[in-house]
């Protein structure tokens, strides 16, 4: 194998090798260009469809829909049917005669029962209304989860853009150091610069290479964070659209609006605040439903039933003609006459087991009635449930008030952060402009041999730091303002 590798390649072999390399490069390039870029809107839409937290919120909403549906169906009558059969041995009661018997018995019976609640303190009505409010609250919480995920997606998207810009800036820094290394090497060879300058530049190249590795690793971590939010596999291909003009992103004018104005708008549209209000209404209805248990319950009931017993015996009476018989004689005027009995009928009793169909038909019974159940004492369970519902209502009111306070604090904090980020961004722009000017002068003086390599590299590093600080400040400012816009409109627009 080693011998073959050392052999000179022919022209035809070289041609095939070149063609193969070109095909590999073409296919690789095709796969790169074929990869679809992820815009912010696509990321948000995908997250709303695949994010696990949103799916859990959807499941909770569906559970509340089932609870509401069941509470509505509870108004319908209850209907049940049953059938029983078996054998009795020894002394038992005949279900058809209700008499004690002392022999083996096979029995069969069936029944249908119906019950309809006519009045129960309006418990069902209040429960249905409470479940309606609970369902509406869960819908608002689902919206809140979708909005939170959208904001997290936007944050991760901006972080990827920032890390991408930092990778570019670090790469430019490294390219600049490499170019300066080559230039310094030539000057050292020519004797224009000392050897120590070359060593300093090499150290700078090594430092910039490490910075580039760190920046690329940060970008990889940012992409992994986005995949986690989107519920994408870690090895799935993913690339965002980096052609977004960040400087053209519309930002709200912080001087034209106050934090109080933003809060007044947010408190009327934030899903959490709306969900709290709906939950309070639901708890109020739960209190009314719990009080309904203190009132009497009026119900309508009805039933159908029949039975069969193997011991049930019926009797049949037949009429039997009894012919005349001589019962004596009588002497009239010396003549003997026979005296016969009169023809008559006698009953003949015959017993037989009643068949199944006859018994079921003969024993068929129906009933209908109306009743009232008056609660007198149940261990204070009903009153305890009322107090518990009242405490839950009070606790929900406190939770709603706390959420409003938290929202207000978050908005005022975000407003202050946005203003501070704007000032920091403007300061970073001034620092970057000053660093560029200083680096330009340092480059000219270094080329003339007026400063050493250490001073020149210090100026170059200051420019790199100013660039990175400016990028960080810019994206931080954009994010802070977008958070305020999210509180105000529930939308994140780039």
Protein backbone atom coordinates (compact mmCIF):
# COMPACT_ATOMS: atom_id res chain seq x y z
CA UNK A 1 0.00 0.00 0.00
CA UNK A 2 2.83 2.38 0.85
CA UNK A 3 4.50 1.55 -2.42
CA UNK A 4 1.39 2.34 -4.38
CA UNK A 5 1.04 5.68 -2.68
CA UNK A 6 4.58 6.60 -3.64
CA UNK A 7 4.03 5.77 -7.29
CA UNK A 8 3.50 8.78 -9.59
CA UNK A 9 -0.09 9.17 -10.74
CA UNK A 10 -0.88 9.09 -14.43
CA UNK A 11 -2.79 11.85 -16.16
CA UNK A 12 -5.96 9.72 -16.49
CA UNK A 13 -5.87 8.80 -12.82
CA UNK A 14 -5.40 12.44 -11.88
CA UNK A 15 -8.39 13.32 -14.04
CA UNK A 16 -10.65 10.79 -12.27
CA UNK A 17 -9.44 11.93 -8.86
CA UNK A 18 -10.21 15.53 -9.73
CA UNK A 19 -13.65 14.63 -11.07
CA UNK A 20 -14.42 12.66 -7.92
CA UNK A 21 -13.37 15.51 -5.68
CA UNK A 22 -15.49 17.95 -7.65
CA UNK A 23 -18.53 15.66 -7.36
CA UNK A 24 -18.08 15.36 -3.61
CA UNK A 25 -17.81 19.13 -3.27
CA UNK A 26 -20.86 19.62 -5.48
CA UNK A 27 -22.98 17.20 -3.48
CA UNK A 28 -21.87 18.75 -0.21
CA UNK A 29 -22.65 22.21 -1.48
CA UNK A 30 -26.03 21.01 -2.72
CA UNK A 31 -26.90 19.66 0.70
CA UNK A 32 -25.91 22.94 2.33
CA UNK A 33 -27.92 25.07 -0.09
CA UNK A 34 -30.86 22.65 0.12
CA UNK A 35 -31.09 23.12 3.88
CA UNK A 36 -34.02 25.39 4.59
CA UNK A 37 -33.28 28.32 6.85
CA UNK A 38 -35.43 28.92 9.93
CA UNK A 39 -36.99 32.34 10.21
CA UNK A 40 -38.22 33.66 13.54
CA UNK A 41 -41.87 33.15 12.55
CA UNK A 42 -41.18 29.57 11.51
CA UNK A 43 -39.48 28.90 14.84
CA UNK A 44 -42.44 30.36 16.75
CA UNK A 45 -45.00 28.38 14.72
CA UNK A 46 -43.02 25.16 15.13
CA UNK A 47 -42.65 25.69 18.88
CA UNK A 48 -46.38 26.27 19.32
CA UNK A 49 -47.04 22.96 17.62
CA UNK A 50 -44.32 20.81 19.19
CA UNK A 51 -43.34 22.37 22.52
CA UNK A 52 -44.08 19.99 25.42
CA UNK A 53 -45.30 22.70 27.80
CA UNK A 54 -47.81 23.93 25.23
CA UNK A 55 -48.99 20.35 24.71
CA UNK A 56 -49.51 19.99 28.46
CA UNK A 57 -51.53 23.21 28.53
CA UNK A 58 -53.62 21.86 25.64
CA UNK A 59 -54.26 18.63 27.57
CA UNK A 60 -55.36 20.62 30.63
CA UNK A 61 -57.79 22.59 28.48
CA UNK A 62 -59.23 19.37 27.05
CA UNK A 63 -59.65 17.99 30.58
CA UNK A 64 -61.62 21.09 31.53
CA UNK A 65 -63.77 20.62 28.42
CA UNK A 66 -64.58 17.08 29.55
CA UNK A 67 -65.39 18.30 33.07
CA UNK A 68 -67.77 20.92 31.65
CA UNK A 69 -69.42 18.41 29.36
CA UNK A 70 -69.90 15.96 32.23
CA UNK A 71 -71.41 18.64 34.47
CA UNK A 72 -73.97 19.42 31.74
CA UNK A 73 -74.80 15.74 31.28
CA UNK A 74 -75.36 15.37 35.04
CA UNK A 75 -78.73 17.09 34.54
CA UNK A 76 -80.05 14.09 32.63
CA UNK A 77 -81.96 11.34 34.47
CA UNK A 78 -80.04 8.37 35.79
CA UNK A 79 -81.21 5.07 34.34
CA UNK A 80 -80.03 1.61 35.39
CA UNK A 81 -81.06 -1.95 34.73
CA UNK A 82 -80.17 -5.19 36.44
CA UNK A 83 -80.81 -8.91 36.31
CA UNK A 84 -80.14 -11.56 38.93
CA UNK A 85 -80.57 -15.32 39.09
CA UNK A 86 -79.39 -18.19 41.22
CA UNK A 87 -80.32 -21.07 43.51
CA UNK A 88 -81.49 -21.04 47.12
CA UNK A 89 -81.17 -24.06 49.37
CA UNK A 90 -82.92 -24.66 52.69
CA UNK A 91 -85.30 -22.21 54.24
CA UNK A 92 -85.82 -19.16 52.07
CA UNK A 93 -88.49 -16.79 50.82
CA UNK A 94 -90.29 -17.44 47.59
CA UNK A 95 -89.93 -14.14 45.64
CA UNK A 96 -93.28 -14.69 43.95
CA UNK A 97 -95.37 -15.38 47.09
CA UNK A 98 -93.16 -13.87 49.82
CA UNK A 99 -93.74 -17.04 51.84
CA UNK A 100 -91.12 -19.18 53.56
CA UNK A 101 -90.31 -22.44 51.89
CA UNK A 102 -87.85 -25.15 52.74
CA UNK A 103 -86.71 -26.61 49.47
CA UNK A 104 -84.42 -25.88 46.55
CA UNK A 105 -85.40 -22.78 44.61
CA UNK A 106 -84.22 -21.32 41.31
CA UNK A 107 -85.00 -17.65 40.95
CA UNK A 108 -84.74 -15.12 38.16
CA UNK A 109 -85.48 -11.41 38.34
CA UNK A 110 -84.94 -8.14 36.48
CA UNK A 111 -85.48 -4.44 37.12
CA UNK A 112 -85.10 -1.00 35.54
CA UNK A 113 -84.72 2.08 37.77
CA UNK A 114 -84.86 5.77 36.91
CA UNK A 115 -84.16 8.85 39.00
CA UNK A 116 -84.34 12.52 38.05
CA UNK A 117 -83.10 15.37 40.22
CA UNK A 118 -85.72 18.12 40.23
CA UNK A 119 -84.10 20.48 42.72
CA UNK A 120 -80.88 20.39 44.74
CA UNK A 121 -80.19 23.96 45.68
CA UNK A 122 -79.09 24.83 42.13
CA UNK A 123 -75.84 22.94 42.73
CA UNK A 124 -75.68 21.59 39.19
CA UNK A 125 -76.41 25.01 37.65
CA UNK A 126 -73.68 26.74 39.62
CA UNK A 127 -71.25 23.89 38.95
CA UNK A 128 -71.82 24.16 35.21
CA UNK A 129 -71.19 27.91 35.30
CA UNK A 130 -68.05 27.40 37.40
CA UNK A 131 -66.73 24.84 34.91
CA UNK A 132 -67.38 27.25 32.04
CA UNK A 133 -65.24 29.89 33.74
CA UNK A 134 -62.58 27.29 34.53
CA UNK A 135 -62.45 26.26 30.87
CA UNK A 136 -62.10 29.89 29.78
CA UNK A 137 -59.30 30.35 32.33
CA UNK A 138 -57.46 27.29 31.00
CA UNK A 139 -57.72 28.72 27.49
CA UNK A 140 -56.08 31.91 28.71
CA UNK A 141 -53.34 29.91 30.41
CA UNK A 142 -52.75 28.06 27.15
CA UNK A 143 -52.35 31.43 25.43
CA UNK A 144 -49.94 32.51 28.16
CA UNK A 145 -47.85 29.39 27.60
CA UNK A 146 -47.80 30.02 23.86
CA UNK A 147 -46.74 33.63 24.42
CA UNK A 148 -44.04 32.63 26.90
CA UNK A 149 -42.66 30.07 24.46
CA UNK A 150 -42.74 32.66 21.66
CA UNK A 151 -40.77 35.08 23.85
CA UNK A 152 -38.27 32.33 24.72
CA UNK A 153 -37.91 31.53 21.02
CA UNK A 154 -37.27 35.18 20.22
CA UNK A 155 -34.68 35.36 23.02
CA UNK A 156 -32.90 32.25 21.75
CA UNK A 157 -33.10 33.58 18.18
CA UNK A 158 -31.45 36.85 19.18
CA UNK A 159 -28.81 34.93 21.13
CA UNK A 160 -27.94 32.91 18.04
CA UNK A 161 -27.68 36.09 16.00
CA UNK A 162 -25.45 37.67 18.66
CA UNK A 163 -23.20 34.62 18.85
CA UNK A 164 -23.00 34.55 15.06
CA UNK A 165 -21.89 38.18 15.01
CA UNK A 166 -19.36 37.48 17.74
CA UNK A 167 -17.95 34.56 15.74
CA UNK A 168 -17.57 36.86 12.74
CA UNK A 169 -15.88 39.56 14.82
CA UNK A 170 -13.53 37.02 16.41
CA UNK A 171 -12.71 35.56 13.00
CA UNK A 172 -11.90 39.04 11.72
CA UNK A 173 -9.70 39.59 14.74
CA UNK A 174 -7.86 36.35 14.03
CA UNK A 175 -7.49 37.18 10.34
CA UNK A 176 -6.11 40.56 11.27
CA UNK A 177 -3.60 38.99 13.67
CA UNK A 178 -2.53 36.45 11.03
CA UNK A 179 -2.00 39.21 8.48
CA UNK A 180 -0.02 41.20 11.00
CA UNK A 181 2.02 38.09 11.85
CA UNK A 182 3.01 37.72 8.21
CA UNK A 183 3.84 41.40 7.91
CA UNK A 184 5.88 41.34 11.11
CA UNK A 185 7.79 38.25 9.97
CA UNK A 186 8.83 40.06 6.81
CA UNK A 187 9.95 43.10 8.78
CA UNK A 188 11.90 40.95 11.24
CA UNK A 189 13.66 39.20 8.37
CA UNK A 190 14.43 42.58 6.84
CA UNK A 191 15.81 43.73 10.20
CA UNK A 192 13.27 46.52 10.57
CA UNK A 193 11.72 45.03 13.76
CA UNK A 194 13.20 43.04 16.62
CA UNK A 195 12.51 39.30 17.07
CA UNK A 196 10.46 39.98 20.21
CA UNK A 197 7.73 41.62 18.11
CA UNK A 198 7.25 38.37 16.22
CA UNK A 199 6.86 36.42 19.48
CA UNK A 200 4.25 38.92 20.72
CA UNK A 201 2.24 38.63 17.52
CA UNK A 202 2.36 34.81 17.70
CA UNK A 203 0.99 34.94 21.22
CA UNK A 204 -1.79 37.19 20.01
CA UNK A 205 -2.67 34.72 17.22
CA UNK A 206 -2.89 31.90 19.76
CA UNK A 207 -5.13 34.00 22.01
CA UNK A 208 -7.40 34.95 19.10
CA UNK A 209 -7.62 31.29 18.04
CA UNK A 210 -8.78 30.34 21.55
CA UNK A 211 -11.32 33.18 21.49
CA UNK A 212 -12.67 31.92 18.18
CA UNK A 213 -13.10 28.41 19.59
CA UNK A 214 -14.96 29.85 22.57
CA UNK A 215 -17.21 31.95 20.33
CA UNK A 216 -18.03 28.98 18.11
CA UNK A 217 -18.80 26.86 21.18
CA UNK A 218 -21.15 29.57 22.48
CA UNK A 219 -22.92 29.56 19.13
CA UNK A 220 -23.30 25.78 19.30
CA UNK A 221 -24.77 26.02 22.79
CA UNK A 222 -27.21 28.72 21.65
CA UNK A 223 -28.40 26.50 18.80
CA UNK A 224 -28.86 23.58 21.21
CA UNK A 225 -30.91 25.83 23.47
CA UNK A 226 -33.15 26.75 20.55
CA UNK A 227 -33.57 23.07 19.61
CA UNK A 228 -34.60 22.29 23.18
CA UNK A 229 -37.29 24.98 23.06
CA UNK A 230 -38.51 23.71 19.69
CA UNK A 231 -38.37 20.09 20.88
CA UNK A 232 -36.03 19.22 18.02
CA UNK A 233 -33.46 16.39 18.22
CA UNK A 234 -29.99 17.61 19.11
CA UNK A 235 -28.57 16.16 15.88
CA UNK A 236 -31.29 17.63 13.62
CA UNK A 237 -30.03 20.08 10.96
CA UNK A 238 -30.85 23.62 12.00
CA UNK A 239 -29.72 27.01 10.71
CA UNK A 240 -31.43 30.36 11.19
CA UNK A 241 -31.69 33.10 8.62
CA UNK A 242 -28.71 35.31 9.48
CA UNK A 243 -29.55 37.78 6.73
CA UNK A 244 -31.85 39.63 9.11
CA UNK A 245 -30.95 43.31 9.22
CA UNK A 246 -30.81 43.84 12.95
CA UNK A 247 -30.31 47.58 12.61
CA UNK A 248 -33.61 47.81 10.70
CA UNK A 249 -35.68 46.13 13.45
CA UNK A 250 -38.44 48.55 14.51
CA UNK A 251 -38.15 49.59 18.16
CA UNK A 252 -40.62 51.52 20.27
CA UNK A 253 -39.76 55.06 21.31
CA UNK A 254 -39.10 54.85 25.03
CA UNK A 255 -39.40 58.61 25.40
CA UNK A 256 -42.94 58.63 23.95
CA UNK A 257 -44.43 56.23 26.51
CA UNK A 258 -44.16 55.61 30.24
CA UNK A 259 -44.03 52.39 32.22
CA UNK A 260 -47.45 53.20 33.69
CA UNK A 261 -48.91 53.47 30.18
CA UNK A 262 -47.51 50.06 29.27
CA UNK A 263 -48.92 48.56 32.48
CA UNK A 264 -52.39 49.97 31.84
CA UNK A 265 -52.38 48.36 28.40
CA UNK A 266 -50.86 45.08 29.59
CA UNK A 267 -53.23 44.50 32.48
CA UNK A 268 -56.16 44.30 30.07
CA UNK A 269 -54.63 41.79 27.62
CA UNK A 270 -52.19 39.64 29.59
CA UNK A 271 -53.56 36.04 29.64
CA UNK A 272 -52.45 35.46 33.25
CA UNK A 273 -54.47 38.45 34.49
CA UNK A 274 -57.50 37.38 32.44
CA UNK A 275 -57.16 33.81 33.72
CA UNK A 276 -57.08 35.08 37.32
CA UNK A 277 -60.31 37.04 36.79
CA UNK A 278 -62.03 34.01 35.26
CA UNK A 279 -60.81 31.76 38.07
CA UNK A 280 -62.29 34.17 40.62
CA UNK A 281 -65.66 33.93 38.86
CA UNK A 282 -65.37 30.14 38.85
CA UNK A 283 -64.60 30.07 42.58
CA UNK A 284 -67.59 32.33 43.28
CA UNK A 285 -69.83 29.82 41.52
CA UNK A 286 -68.20 27.00 43.49
CA UNK A 287 -69.18 28.80 46.70
CA UNK A 288 -72.78 29.02 45.48
CA UNK A 289 -72.73 25.33 44.55
CA UNK A 290 -71.42 24.39 47.99
CA UNK A 291 -74.22 26.40 49.63
CA UNK A 292 -76.75 24.48 47.54
CA UNK A 293 -75.94 21.34 49.54
CA UNK A 294 -77.65 23.00 52.55
CA UNK A 295 -81.04 22.93 50.81
CA UNK A 296 -83.44 19.97 50.44
CA UNK A 297 -83.23 17.77 47.39
CA UNK A 298 -86.37 16.90 45.43
CA UNK A 299 -86.23 13.95 43.06
CA UNK A 300 -88.52 11.95 40.82
CA UNK A 301 -88.11 8.16 40.71
CA UNK A 302 -89.63 5.25 38.83
CA UNK A 303 -88.98 1.56 38.40
CA UNK A 304 -90.01 -1.53 36.42
CA UNK A 305 -89.50 -5.09 37.60
CA UNK A 306 -90.49 -8.73 37.37
CA UNK A 307 -89.35 -12.13 38.74
CA UNK A 308 -89.61 -15.87 38.37
CA UNK A 309 -89.35 -18.75 40.87
CA UNK A 310 -89.15 -22.46 40.13
CA UNK A 311 -91.32 -23.27 43.20
CA UNK A 312 -94.28 -21.19 42.16
CA UNK A 313 -97.29 -23.51 41.59
CA UNK A 314 -100.64 -22.62 40.05
CA UNK A 315 -103.89 -24.53 40.49
CA UNK A 316 -106.53 -25.32 37.88
CA UNK A 317 -110.12 -26.22 38.83
CA UNK A 318 -112.05 -28.62 36.59
CA UNK A 319 -115.76 -29.52 36.93
CA UNK A 320 -116.56 -33.27 37.15
CA UNK A 321 -120.11 -34.59 36.57
CA UNK A 322 -121.18 -37.06 39.27
CA UNK A 323 -123.87 -39.52 37.89
CA UNK A 324 -126.96 -40.35 39.96
CA UNK A 325 -126.62 -43.31 42.36
CA UNK A 326 -129.20 -45.17 44.42
CA UNK A 327 -129.32 -43.78 47.85
CA UNK A 328 -132.29 -45.82 49.13
CA UNK A 329 -135.84 -47.03 48.52
CA UNK A 330 -139.27 -45.77 49.39
CA UNK A 331 -142.54 -47.77 49.82
CA UNK A 332 -145.55 -46.11 48.40
CA UNK A 333 -148.84 -48.05 48.65
CA UNK A 334 -146.98 -51.27 48.99
CA UNK A 335 -144.79 -50.61 46.05
CA UNK A 336 -141.02 -50.28 46.45
CA UNK A 337 -139.40 -47.49 44.59
CA UNK A 338 -135.64 -46.77 44.22
CA UNK A 339 -134.44 -43.36 45.29
CA UNK A 340 -131.45 -41.99 43.29
CA UNK A 341 -129.34 -38.96 44.01
CA UNK A 342 -129.61 -35.89 41.85
CA UNK A 343 -126.93 -35.42 39.17
CA UNK A 344 -124.31 -32.88 40.38
CA UNK A 345 -120.83 -31.47 39.63
CA UNK A 346 -117.76 -31.46 41.84
CA UNK A 347 -114.57 -29.36 41.52
CA UNK A 348 -111.35 -31.12 40.63
CA UNK A 349 -108.15 -29.33 41.73
CA UNK A 350 -105.02 -29.87 39.65
CA UNK A 351 -101.65 -28.14 40.26
CA UNK A 352 -98.88 -27.36 37.74
CA UNK A 353 -95.62 -25.30 37.64
CA UNK A 354 -96.09 -21.87 36.14
CA UNK A 355 -93.91 -21.38 33.03
CA UNK A 356 -91.24 -18.66 32.76
CA UNK A 357 -93.13 -16.39 30.37
CA UNK A 358 -96.30 -16.46 32.42
CA UNK A 359 -94.50 -15.63 35.66
CA UNK A 360 -92.55 -12.77 34.11
CA UNK A 361 -95.76 -11.37 32.66
CA UNK A 362 -97.85 -11.89 35.77
CA UNK A 363 -95.21 -10.52 38.14
CA UNK A 364 -94.47 -7.41 36.07
CA UNK A 365 -94.68 -4.32 38.34
CA UNK A 366 -94.29 -0.57 37.86
CA UNK A 367 -93.77 2.31 40.26
CA UNK A 368 -93.37 6.09 40.11
CA UNK A 369 -92.92 8.54 42.90
CA UNK A 370 -91.53 11.85 44.05
CA UNK A 371 -89.43 12.30 47.14
CA UNK A 372 -87.54 14.85 49.18
CA UNK A 373 -84.26 14.48 51.02
CA UNK A 374 -83.80 17.08 53.77
CA UNK A 375 -80.27 17.50 55.14
CA UNK A 376 -80.41 17.74 58.91
CA UNK A 377 -77.00 16.75 60.17
CA UNK A 378 -74.04 15.32 58.24
CA UNK A 379 -71.12 16.06 60.52
CA UNK A 380 -70.94 19.68 59.32
CA UNK A 381 -69.61 18.39 55.99
CA UNK A 382 -71.76 20.75 53.90
CA UNK A 383 -70.90 23.83 55.98
CA UNK A 384 -67.21 22.91 55.96
CA UNK A 385 -67.32 22.65 52.16
CA UNK A 386 -68.85 26.13 52.01
CA UNK A 387 -66.11 27.60 54.19
CA UNK A 388 -63.46 25.79 52.19
CA UNK A 389 -64.86 27.20 48.94
CA UNK A 390 -64.90 30.68 50.47
CA UNK A 391 -61.26 30.37 51.54
CA UNK A 392 -60.26 29.16 48.08
CA UNK A 393 -62.03 32.18 46.61
CA UNK A 394 -60.19 34.52 48.99
CA UNK A 395 -56.87 32.85 48.17
CA UNK A 396 -57.51 33.24 44.44
CA UNK A 397 -58.26 36.93 44.90
CA UNK A 398 -54.95 37.35 46.71
CA UNK A 399 -53.18 35.41 43.95
CA UNK A 400 -54.73 37.66 41.32
CA UNK A 401 -53.67 40.77 43.23
CA UNK A 402 -50.14 39.41 43.61
CA UNK A 403 -49.93 38.66 39.90
CA UNK A 404 -50.93 42.24 39.13
CA UNK A 405 -48.26 43.53 41.49
CA UNK A 406 -45.69 41.21 39.90
CA UNK A 407 -46.72 42.33 36.42
CA UNK A 408 -46.39 45.96 37.43
CA UNK A 409 -42.95 45.37 38.93
CA UNK A 410 -41.79 43.41 35.89
CA UNK A 411 -42.92 46.14 33.50
CA UNK A 412 -41.28 48.94 35.50
CA UNK A 413 -38.11 46.86 35.81
CA UNK A 414 -38.16 46.05 32.08
CA UNK A 415 -38.70 49.74 31.27
CA UNK A 416 -35.73 50.75 33.40
CA UNK A 417 -33.63 47.96 31.88
CA UNK A 418 -34.57 49.07 28.37
CA UNK A 419 -33.56 52.65 29.06
CA UNK A 420 -30.32 51.52 30.65
CA UNK A 421 -29.60 49.20 27.71
CA UNK A 422 -30.17 52.11 25.31
CA UNK A 423 -27.69 54.27 27.17
CA UNK A 424 -25.21 51.41 27.31
CA UNK A 425 -25.58 50.78 23.58
CA UNK A 426 -25.01 54.43 22.76
CA UNK A 427 -21.95 54.48 25.00
CA UNK A 428 -20.60 51.33 23.33
CA UNK A 429 -20.95 52.99 19.93
CA UNK A 430 -18.88 55.95 21.12
CA UNK A 431 -16.31 53.59 22.64
CA UNK A 432 -16.11 51.62 19.40
CA UNK A 433 -15.58 54.77 17.37
CA UNK A 434 -12.80 55.85 19.70
CA UNK A 435 -11.20 52.40 19.60
CA UNK A 436 -11.22 52.43 15.79
CA UNK A 437 -9.52 55.82 15.70
CA UNK A 438 -6.92 54.71 18.23
CA UNK A 439 -6.26 51.51 16.31
CA UNK A 440 -5.79 53.43 13.05
CA UNK A 441 -3.17 55.68 14.65
CA UNK A 442 -1.52 52.72 16.37
CA UNK A 443 -1.23 50.84 13.08
CA UNK A 444 0.40 53.80 11.39
CA UNK A 445 2.88 54.33 14.24
CA UNK A 446 3.68 50.61 14.45
CA UNK A 447 4.45 50.45 10.74
CA UNK A 448 6.79 53.41 11.23
CA UNK A 449 8.43 51.71 14.21
CA UNK A 450 7.32 54.40 16.66
CA UNK A 451 5.62 51.93 19.06
CA UNK A 452 6.40 48.35 19.98
CA UNK A 453 4.29 45.26 19.35
CA UNK A 454 2.82 45.24 22.86
CA UNK A 455 1.32 48.71 22.48
CA UNK A 456 0.04 47.86 19.03
CA UNK A 457 -1.59 44.60 20.21
CA UNK A 458 -3.14 46.43 23.13
CA UNK A 459 -4.82 48.83 20.71
CA UNK A 460 -5.95 45.93 18.54
CA UNK A 461 -7.42 44.08 21.54
CA UNK A 462 -9.17 47.24 22.67
CA UNK A 463 -10.84 47.48 19.26
CA UNK A 464 -11.90 43.83 19.44
CA UNK A 465 -13.33 44.26 22.93
CA UNK A 466 -15.16 47.41 21.89
CA UNK A 467 -16.63 45.57 18.92
CA UNK A 468 -17.82 42.67 21.05
CA UNK A 469 -19.18 45.01 23.73
CA UNK A 470 -21.05 46.98 21.08
CA UNK A 471 -22.62 43.81 19.66
CA UNK A 472 -23.63 42.60 23.11
CA UNK A 473 -25.08 45.99 24.03
CA UNK A 474 -26.99 46.25 20.75
CA UNK A 475 -28.66 42.87 21.06
CA UNK A 476 -29.33 43.43 24.75
CA UNK A 477 -31.02 46.73 23.91
CA UNK A 478 -33.13 45.09 21.20
CA UNK A 479 -34.19 42.30 23.54
CA UNK A 480 -35.11 44.66 26.39
CA UNK A 481 -37.27 46.77 24.10
CA UNK A 482 -38.93 43.70 22.60
CA UNK A 483 -39.83 42.53 26.09
CA UNK A 484 -41.65 45.82 26.66
CA UNK A 485 -43.41 45.49 23.32
CA UNK A 486 -44.43 41.97 24.31
CA UNK A 487 -46.04 43.24 27.52
CA UNK A 488 -47.86 45.88 25.52
CA UNK A 489 -49.06 43.87 22.48
CA UNK A 490 -48.30 40.17 23.18
CA UNK A 491 -46.32 40.09 19.91
CA UNK A 492 -42.64 39.94 19.08
CA UNK A 493 -41.87 41.45 15.70
CA UNK A 494 -38.50 41.63 13.97
